[in-house]
Amino acid sequence: MGNEIELIHNNSNRLLRLINQLLDFRKIEDRNFNLKASKTNLYNFSKLIFQDFEREAMKRNIDFKLTSNNESLDIFIDRNLMDKVYFNLLSNAFKFTPDNGKIGVYIKDDESANIVKIHFKDTGIGIPSNEIDGVFQAFFKGSNNRKNSSGVGLHLSKEFVEMHKGNIEVESLHGTEFIVSLYKGQAHLDESEIISEQDLVDSNIIDFSSDQLIDDNYLIQAPSKNKEKYSVLIIEDNKDLSLFLKNKLQLEYDIHLSEGTDAIEKAFETIPDIILCDINLPDKDGFEICEILKKDLRTSHIPTVILTALGNKESYIKGLQSGADLYLTKPFSYSILIQSIKSLLYNREKLRYYFTSNIHKIEEINSFGDIEQKFISQLNTLINDNLGNSDYSVENPAENLTISRVQLYRKVKAIMGISISDYIGNIRLEKAKTMLENGSLTVSEIAYSNGFSSPNYFSTAFKNKYGISPAAFRKSV
């Protein structure tokens, strides 16, 4: 339960900050802000904000540092406004820095001048050189930025720093570095801009530092240990949402996670039963991923649910055009999501029943144009063309269809509910049964013509499937 409380707490704070940003933006536009600067220990102030990001750094194994060459330095700042500057710059650093990266806050007091510089440096994706000049413009979004963003954070940060008569610069080489320059002392401020405030205290009252219990009480009971679970691939770069879904679904499903950069490779590797995919991802967007997977023989059969904050009609249509089976907008109801997953899996079971009930009847001619129907038709043709070859096994159709043996096994298992070996065996037995009903060949000749290594093996396999020997079946017809 603790993890979910933390998630609610963090997202509530995030939403509050976004709303405050919009209000601040309006105030800045109307020139409605009054600076309220107070004497503040810069290192202690920085450390309090630094601590808010430490847990995120630990979870993602990011080397996160705060250093100062003068920890006793006091300057006059508006703590509320400068808190927003720090938060915006550090949020961007964490948003665009991959796991195992580096983020640092370095305070450098120039004792020979009346300036202190605060460096916010990361090893993230950086900013294209031709776009550097526009980063502080309102609603700016870099061409390499696939993350959700309001586009006002850096604009506000620049305005707030300049209200302090300071300056903010940006450099981008092997990451991004923002440099905030502030005056020491108070000579640069008007008397009306200076107030008296108490010393800083640690206000982090809520502690989520322990590894809390995961609330799985939404399940009445866990599924049987002997029951094979369906697998779900969650493609989501928001770690909080990704882990929330994993914690909720893991008792009932086998869960695989991807933050987006390896989504296609992970889908090909695991061949899950269903895919949940976000749209705004770091490499390819969700539309591209869905389209690629739906057009690839290895993954075309997998139901895909798009989960996104994009609720406009154009995005909805684009999602369906990419091949998505369902389009859910955030915030979504978990109960609707879980029922949608079950419905999609149930519909796939109905499709599986259709395929297995029409094992010989599926042909490309008069097909519905479905890639699965085409796949089964090609597979049936390959098997029927090699019925008399007793050495024909799983490797042969996999090679003909240019997919791996494991991928063929998983695809046939997903569509048919049986292994590829059993599927080949079933086609041989169905063909043999037809020949026993209508042909004049002996049981031995039928066995060899359908790829069975011996009449005895054929008789055993036939009896296991139909409950009667081939000879007895012929007599009963």
Foldseek 3Di string as FASTA:
>chain_A
DLLVVVVVVVVVVVVVLVVVLVVLVVCVVVVNDAAEWEKAQVQVLLVLLLVVCVVVCVVLVEAEEEEEPDRRAIAIGRSVLVSLLSVLLVVVQSVFAHRNWYWYWYWYDDPVDQKIKIKTWIQGPWAPPVCQVPLLPAQDDGPLALDDDRRHSSVSSQVRLVVQVWGWHWDTDSTIMIMTMHGGDPPVDDPSNYDYDDYDDNPCPDDSPDDDDQDQVVDVDFDDPPDDAFEEEEAALPVSVQVNVCSNCVSRHHYHYHPHPCVLVVCLVPVGQEYEAEARGNPHGPLVSLLVQCPDLLRVLHAYEYEYQDDDPVVVVSNVVSPHPYYHYPPDDPVVVVVVVVVVLVVLVVQLVVCVVCVPPQAPVPDPPHSVSVVSNVVNVVLVVCQLALPDDQCVVCVVVVHDSVSQQSVCCSNHVDGPRVSSVVVLLVVLLVCLQPHDDDLQVSCNNRNHPGSVVSQVSNCVVPVDGSVVSSVVD
